[in-house]
Amino acid sequence: MMKTIGILTTYFASNFGAALQPYAMKKTLEQLGFDVEVIRYQQKAVWRHYNPFNLLNVRRCFRKNPISTIIALLWEYPLKCIKELKFRKFIRTYITMKRGFEKEWSKKKDFYFIGSDQLWRPQNTGGSFDDVYFGRFRVKPGAKKISYAVSGEALDYSDRNVNYLKENLKNFDFISVREKKLADELMLHTGIDNIRVTVDPTLLCDPKIFDDIEQKHPCPGKKFILFYQIRDSLQFLPKLYKYARSMNAELVVLSSYVNFRIKRFSIRNKHVFYFPDACEDLFLGAIKNAEIVFTPSFHGNVFAILNHKNVYDLVLDDGHDTRANELLNSLGIHNHFLRVDDEIQLSSINYDDVEKRLAAVRNESMMFVRKALGV
């Protein structure tokens, strides 16, 4: 009888990387011969953060700044809803065919993979650790819990948090995280010495699986550079526009959230294509067809690398650069970090060397997976 695996992660977040990493994890584990299900557990804080249909978010924004909230309701809010519906369709098509969440999800799986993404960052989960993402649930005898490539950037190692980590990391039979910095910190503060570093599922999988997802070209027939904007990287927009025009190329902009300032910039400046309601099809198609990719996003960098693109990691110095910086450095991609005051000086990437390094860390991560599964 085929053994079963349950994946616990924030698959429901309408974010490009958050939706593609469980797709990659599920496909990879299925290729090893397991019956795999992404468990429809609702992490309420993350769900409220991304869900535009949550009117409490609108009410809070209106109290803080009524004028900007009215503008958002007139333009941003409808697009947020459209974007959310596109992501929900993607999730039902490629991750789980079932709608909604489960209050009583299955505790009868043979294995539970918890990860990846920032599941151990309290700021993302309502200000405190989420017990489920630390394996605090009962399972059938012999079932194993595995943390895979979990991220927890900018953790606060207060006495309370350290005590929680010491106690609850014991729930796992195998532990791996995505960043070496996090592994080193956890081992230092908890005394647990068997924490491994594994690659994100989007790097672990066979990249060909993403060809099964429909992909759209953002501006057919035109040469363009891509700016995938997240966090406070909007300051790069004028610089990248000027650079695109110097190349006689269009500037395509994607963003993690619907952003009126980018739309206004695209109206005032020709040759700017902004897609505020983009879903995975446009994200993958834009990276695949771009001349150059500029982004501070971890998964933006990942997919640029998988497509052998000339990629530049935008450094924001906001305490959240570790993930993308470690990724590029681990693959030998140097001098491809850009701050807003830096000049853009193109240099090529030796993808033969990158692929060798990627194969090595991919194989090491797969060994961790196989050991955890006993295959």
Foldseek 3Di string as FASTA:
>chain_A
DAAEEEEEAPCLALFQVSVVLLLLVQVFVVVVPHHYAHAQADLPLRCCVLPLVNCVVLVVVCVVPVVVSVVCVVPFSVLSNLLSVVSQVVCCVRHNVDDDHDPDIDQEGQEYEQDAEAQQACVNRPNDHDLVSLQPDDHDPNRFYEYAQYDHFPDDPDVVVLVVLLPRVVNHPYAEHAFPVVLVVNCVSNVDDRYHHAHRSCLLGDVCVCVVDAADAQDPPFAEAEEEDEDPPCLQVVVRCVVCVVVVGAYEYEYRGQDVVLVVVPVVDDRYHYDRSDHNRHLLNHLLRHQEYEELDLVSVVSVLVNQHHYAHEDDPPRPSRNNVRVCVQLVNPPRYDYSPDDDDDDHDDSVSSVVSSVVSSVVSVVSVCVSVVD
